[in-house]
């Protein structure tokens, strides 16, 4: 499982909808530091917007 897939899984478990464009953004990101930030934010997010704030 990739970091992008981990982020989506966390969000889905937390019942936060993940639009297709956001899934694509995660999946195509090659910036490991940014993926780490999104992962950390996914753990605490209340909405998808919290990941990009």
PDB file of N, CA and C in Angstrom:
ATOM      1  N   UNK A   1       0.854  -1.181   0.000  1.00  0.00           N
ATOM      2  CA  UNK A   1       0.000   0.000   0.000  1.00  0.00           C
ATOM      3  C   UNK A   1       0.902   1.246   0.000  1.00  0.00           C
ATOM      4  N   UNK A   2       0.536   2.215  -0.803  1.00  0.00           N
ATOM      5  CA  UNK A   2       1.313   3.453  -0.895  1.00  0.00           C
ATOM      6  C   UNK A   2       0.842   4.456   0.151  1.00  0.00           C
ATOM      7  N   UNK A   3       1.634   5.480   0.350  1.00  0.00           N
ATOM      8  CA  UNK A   3       1.255   6.542   1.299  1.00  0.00           C
ATOM      9  C   UNK A   3      -0.045   7.190   0.843  1.00  0.00           C
ATOM     10  N   UNK A   4      -0.209   7.404  -0.451  1.00  0.00           N
ATOM     11  CA  UNK A   4      -1.443   7.991  -0.972  1.00  0.00           C
ATOM     12  C   UNK A   4      -2.639   7.111  -0.634  1.00  0.00           C
ATOM     13  N   UNK A   5      -2.491   5.812  -0.790  1.00  0.00           N
ATOM     14  CA  UNK A   5      -3.574   4.888  -0.449  1.00  0.00           C
ATOM     15  C   UNK A   5      -3.856   4.904   1.050  1.00  0.00           C
ATOM     16  N   UNK A   6      -2.809   5.051   1.845  1.00  0.00           N
ATOM     17  CA  UNK A   6      -2.988   5.144   3.298  1.00  0.00           C
ATOM     18  C   UNK A   6      -3.823   6.367   3.676  1.00  0.00           C
ATOM     19  N   UNK A   7      -3.554   7.480   3.022  1.00  0.00           N
ATOM     20  CA  UNK A   7      -4.293   8.711   3.300  1.00  0.00           C
ATOM     21  C   UNK A   7      -5.772   8.518   2.979  1.00  0.00           C
ATOM     22  N   UNK A   8      -6.051   7.962   1.814  1.00  0.00           N
ATOM     23  CA  UNK A   8      -7.440   7.728   1.409  1.00  0.00           C
ATOM     24  C   UNK A   8      -8.113   6.769   2.391  1.00  0.00           C
ATOM     25  N   UNK A   9      -7.428   5.719   2.788  1.00  0.00           N
ATOM     26  CA  UNK A   9      -7.997   4.755   3.726  1.00  0.00           C
ATOM     27  C   UNK A   9      -8.349   5.417   5.054  1.00  0.00           C
ATOM     28  N   UNK A  10      -7.454   6.217   5.583  1.00  0.00           N
ATOM     29  CA  UNK A  10      -7.729   6.922   6.843  1.00  0.00           C
ATOM     30  C   UNK A  10      -8.978   7.785   6.698  1.00  0.00           C
ATOM     31  N   UNK A  11      -9.048   8.534   5.614  1.00  0.00           N
ATOM     32  CA  UNK A  11     -10.198   9.410   5.403  1.00  0.00           C
ATOM     33  C   UNK A  11     -11.486   8.615   5.273  1.00  0.00           C
ATOM     34  N   UNK A  12     -11.429   7.508   4.547  1.00  0.00           N
ATOM     35  CA  UNK A  12     -12.632   6.681   4.394  1.00  0.00           C
ATOM     36  C   UNK A  12     -13.059   6.065   5.724  1.00  0.00           C
ATOM     37  N   UNK A  13     -12.125   5.607   6.516  1.00  0.00           N
ATOM     38  CA  UNK A  13     -12.450   5.061   7.838  1.00  0.00           C
ATOM     39  C   UNK A  13     -13.101   6.132   8.705  1.00  0.00           C
ATOM     40  N   UNK A  14     -12.629   7.364   8.559  1.00  0.00           N
ATOM     41  CA  UNK A  14     -13.183   8.474   9.330  1.00  0.00           C
ATOM     42  C   UNK A  14     -14.445   9.030   8.693  1.00  0.00           C
ATOM     43  N   UNK A  15     -14.922   8.381   7.621  1.00  0.00           N
ATOM     44  CA  UNK A  15     -16.144   8.749   6.910  1.00  0.00           C
ATOM     45  C   UNK A  15     -16.084  10.156   6.315  1.00  0.00           C
ATOM     46  N   UNK A  16     -14.911  10.485   5.781  1.00  0.00           N
ATOM     47  CA  UNK A  16     -14.716  11.746   5.072  1.00  0.00           C
ATOM     48  C   UNK A  16     -14.664  11.412   3.584  1.00  0.00           C
ATOM     49  N   UNK A  17     -15.562  12.006   2.823  1.00  0.00           N
ATOM     50  CA  UNK A  17     -15.629  11.748   1.389  1.00  0.00           C
ATOM     51  C   UNK A  17     -14.358  12.238   0.704  1.00  0.00           C
ATOM     52  N   UNK A  18     -13.858  11.418  -0.220  1.00  0.00           N
ATOM     53  CA  UNK A  18     -12.646  11.763  -0.962  1.00  0.00           C
ATOM     54  C   UNK A  18     -13.003  11.823  -2.453  1.00  0.00           C
ATOM     55  N   UNK A  19     -13.153  13.039  -2.975  1.00  0.00           N
ATOM     56  CA  UNK A  19     -13.506  13.182  -4.391  1.00  0.00           C
ATOM     57  C   UNK A  19     -12.411  12.601  -5.299  1.00  0.00           C
ATOM     58  N   UNK A  20     -12.791  12.237  -6.497  1.00  0.00           N
ATOM     59  CA  UNK A  20     -11.850  11.642  -7.445  1.00  0.00           C
ATOM     60  C   UNK A  20     -10.652  12.539  -7.736  1.00  0.00           C
ATOM     61  N   UNK A  21     -10.886  13.861  -7.829  1.00  0.00           N
ATOM     62  CA  UNK A  21      -9.770  14.756  -8.123  1.00  0.00           C
ATOM     63  C   UNK A  21      -8.762  14.787  -6.980  1.00  0.00           C
ATOM     64  N   UNK A  22      -9.239  14.654  -5.753  1.00  0.00           N
ATOM     65  CA  UNK A  22      -8.337  14.617  -4.592  1.00  0.00           C
ATOM     66  C   UNK A  22      -7.578  13.290  -4.564  1.00  0.00           C
ATOM     67  N   UNK A  23      -8.253  12.200  -4.859  1.00  0.00           N
ATOM     68  CA  UNK A  23      -7.579  10.890  -4.952  1.00  0.00           C
ATOM     69  C   UNK A  23      -6.441  10.965  -5.974  1.00  0.00           C
ATOM     70  N   UNK A  24      -6.730  11.576  -7.110  1.00  0.00           N
ATOM     71  CA  UNK A  24      -5.723  11.707  -8.162  1.00  0.00           C
ATOM     72  C   UNK A  24      -4.560  12.574  -7.697  1.00  0.00           C
ATOM     73  N   UNK A  25      -4.874  13.615  -6.961  1.00  0.00           N
ATOM     74  CA  UNK A  25      -3.815  14.495  -6.445  1.00  0.00           C
ATOM     75  C   UNK A  25      -2.885  13.727  -5.515  1.00  0.00           C
ATOM     76  N   UNK A  26      -3.450  12.910  -4.646  1.00  0.00           N
ATOM     77  CA  UNK A  26      -2.628  12.087  -3.761  1.00  0.00           C
ATOM     78  C   UNK A  26      -1.809  11.090  -4.569  1.00  0.00           C
ATOM     79  N   UNK A  27      -2.473  10.401  -5.489  1.00  0.00           N
ATOM     80  CA  UNK A  27      -1.841   9.313  -6.239  1.00  0.00           C
ATOM     81  C   UNK A  27      -0.711   9.788  -7.146  1.00  0.00           C
ATOM     82  N   UNK A  28      -0.805  11.003  -7.632  1.00  0.00           N
ATOM     83  CA  UNK A  28       0.212  11.502  -8.558  1.00  0.00           C
ATOM     84  C   UNK A  28       1.305  12.308  -7.869  1.00  0.00           C
ATOM     85  N   UNK A  29       1.167  12.547  -6.586  1.00  0.00           N
ATOM     86  CA  UNK A  29       2.177  13.312  -5.873  1.00  0.00           C
ATOM     87  C   UNK A  29       3.452  12.484  -5.702  1.00  0.00           C
ATOM     88  N   UNK A  30       4.573  13.102  -6.004  1.00  0.00           N
ATOM     89  CA  UNK A  30       5.871  12.464  -5.793  1.00  0.00           C
ATOM     90  C   UNK A  30       6.642  13.139  -4.670  1.00  0.00           C
ATOM     91  N   UNK A  31       6.019  14.116  -4.031  1.00  0.00           N
ATOM     92  CA  UNK A  31       6.634  14.862  -2.937  1.00  0.00           C
ATOM     93  C   UNK A  31       6.366  14.134  -1.621  1.00  0.00           C
ATOM     94  N   UNK A  32       7.341  13.391  -1.149  1.00  0.00           N
ATOM     95  CA  UNK A  32       7.159  12.587   0.066  1.00  0.00           C
ATOM     96  C   UNK A  32       6.889  13.442   1.297  1.00  0.00           C
ATOM     97  N   UNK A  33       7.473  14.631   1.341  1.00  0.00           N
ATOM     98  CA  UNK A  33       7.216  15.527   2.472  1.00  0.00           C
ATOM     99  C   UNK A  33       5.762  15.985   2.478  1.00  0.00           C
ATOM    100  N   UNK A  34       5.225  16.309   1.300  1.00  0.00           N
ATOM    101  CA  UNK A  34       3.821  16.733   1.216  1.00  0.00           C
ATOM    102  C   UNK A  34       2.894  15.577   1.569  1.00  0.00           C
ATOM    103  N   UNK A  35       3.199  14.391   1.098  1.00  0.00           N
ATOM    104  CA  UNK A  35       2.389  13.224   1.445  1.00  0.00           C
ATOM    105  C   UNK A  35       2.393  12.989   2.956  1.00  0.00           C
ATOM    106  N   UNK A  36       3.518  13.212   3.597  1.00  0.00           N
ATOM    107  CA  UNK A  36       3.603  13.052   5.049  1.00  0.00           C
ATOM    108  C   UNK A  36       2.720  14.075   5.758  1.00  0.00           C
ATOM    109  N   UNK A  37       2.700  15.297   5.251  1.00  0.00           N
ATOM    110  CA  UNK A  37       1.845  16.343   5.830  1.00  0.00           C
ATOM    111  C   UNK A  37       0.386  15.961   5.673  1.00  0.00           C
ATOM    112  N   UNK A  38       0.000  15.529   4.492  1.00  0.00           N
ATOM    113  CA  UNK A  38      -1.394  15.122   4.260  1.00  0.00           C
ATOM    114  C   UNK A  38      -1.779  13.940   5.141  1.00  0.00           C
ATOM    115  N   UNK A  39      -0.854  13.001   5.304  1.00  0.00           N
ATOM    116  CA  UNK A  39      -1.109  11.834   6.156  1.00  0.00           C
ATOM    117  C   UNK A  39      -1.393  12.282   7.592  1.00  0.00           C
ATOM    118  N   UNK A  40      -0.530  13.148   8.121  1.00  0.00           N
ATOM    119  CA  UNK A  40      -0.710  13.645   9.488  1.00  0.00           C
ATOM    120  C   UNK A  40      -2.029  14.395   9.636  1.00  0.00           C
ATOM    121  N   UNK A  41      -2.362  15.203   8.665  1.00  0.00           N
ATOM    122  CA  UNK A  41      -3.613  15.966   8.713  1.00  0.00           C
ATOM    123  C   UNK A  41      -4.829  15.050   8.594  1.00  0.00           C
ATOM    124  N   UNK A  42      -4.715  13.971   7.831  1.00  0.00           N
ATOM    125  CA  UNK A  42      -5.833  13.039   7.649  1.00  0.00           C
ATOM    126  C   UNK A  42      -6.258  12.418   8.971  1.00  0.00           C
ATOM    127  N   UNK A  43      -5.309  12.226   9.852  1.00  0.00           N
ATOM    128  CA  UNK A  43      -5.600  11.612  11.149  1.00  0.00           C
ATOM    129  C   UNK A  43      -6.535  12.487  11.976  1.00  0.00           C
ATOM    130  N   UNK A  44      -6.421  13.803  11.818  1.00  0.00           N
ATOM    131  CA  UNK A  44      -7.194  14.735  12.644  1.00  0.00           C
ATOM    132  C   UNK A  44      -8.277  15.492  11.877  1.00  0.00           C
ATOM    133  N   UNK A  45      -8.317  15.346  10.577  1.00  0.00           N
ATOM    134  CA  UNK A  45      -9.229  16.135   9.743  1.00  0.00           C
ATOM    135  C   UNK A  45     -10.690  15.870  10.074  1.00  0.00           C
ATOM    136  N   UNK A  46     -11.468  16.932   9.956  1.00  0.00           N
ATOM    137  CA  UNK A  46     -12.911  16.807  10.104  1.00  0.00           C
ATOM    138  C   UNK A  46     -13.592  16.904   8.728  1.00  0.00           C
ATOM    139  N   UNK A  47     -12.845  17.404   7.745  1.00  0.00           N
ATOM    140  CA  UNK A  47     -13.341  17.480   6.370  1.00  0.00           C
ATOM    141  C   UNK A  47     -12.141  17.392   5.436  1.00  0.00           C
ATOM    142  N   UNK A  48     -12.408  17.161   4.164  1.00  0.00           N
ATOM    143  CA  UNK A  48     -11.336  17.054   3.189  1.00  0.00           C
ATOM    144  C   UNK A  48     -10.580  18.375   3.091  1.00  0.00           C
ATOM    145  N   UNK A  49     -11.256  19.479   3.325  1.00  0.00           N
ATOM    146  CA  UNK A  49     -10.615  20.806   3.252  1.00  0.00           C
ATOM    147  C   UNK A  49      -9.506  20.963   4.288  1.00  0.00           C
ATOM    148  N   UNK A  50      -9.602  20.255   5.400  1.00  0.00           N
ATOM    149  CA  UNK A  50      -8.593  20.348   6.450  1.00  0.00           C
ATOM    150  C   UNK A  50      -7.220  19.863   5.970  1.00  0.00           C
ATOM    151  N   UNK A  51      -7.189  19.028   4.979  1.00  0.00           N
ATOM    152  CA  UNK A  51      -5.906  18.544   4.469  1.00  0.00           C
ATOM    153  C   UNK A  51      -5.143  19.614   3.722  1.00  0.00           C
ATOM    154  N   UNK A  52      -5.867  20.560   3.158  1.00  0.00           N
ATOM    155  CA  UNK A  52      -5.249  21.570   2.296  1.00  0.00           C
ATOM    156  C   UNK A  52      -5.249  22.963   2.920  1.00  0.00           C
ATOM    157  N   UNK A  53      -5.562  23.040   4.183  1.00  0.00           N
ATOM    158  CA  UNK A  53      -5.625  24.358   4.863  1.00  0.00           C
ATOM    159  C   UNK A  53      -4.234  24.886   5.160  1.00  0.00           C
TER     160      UNK A  53
END
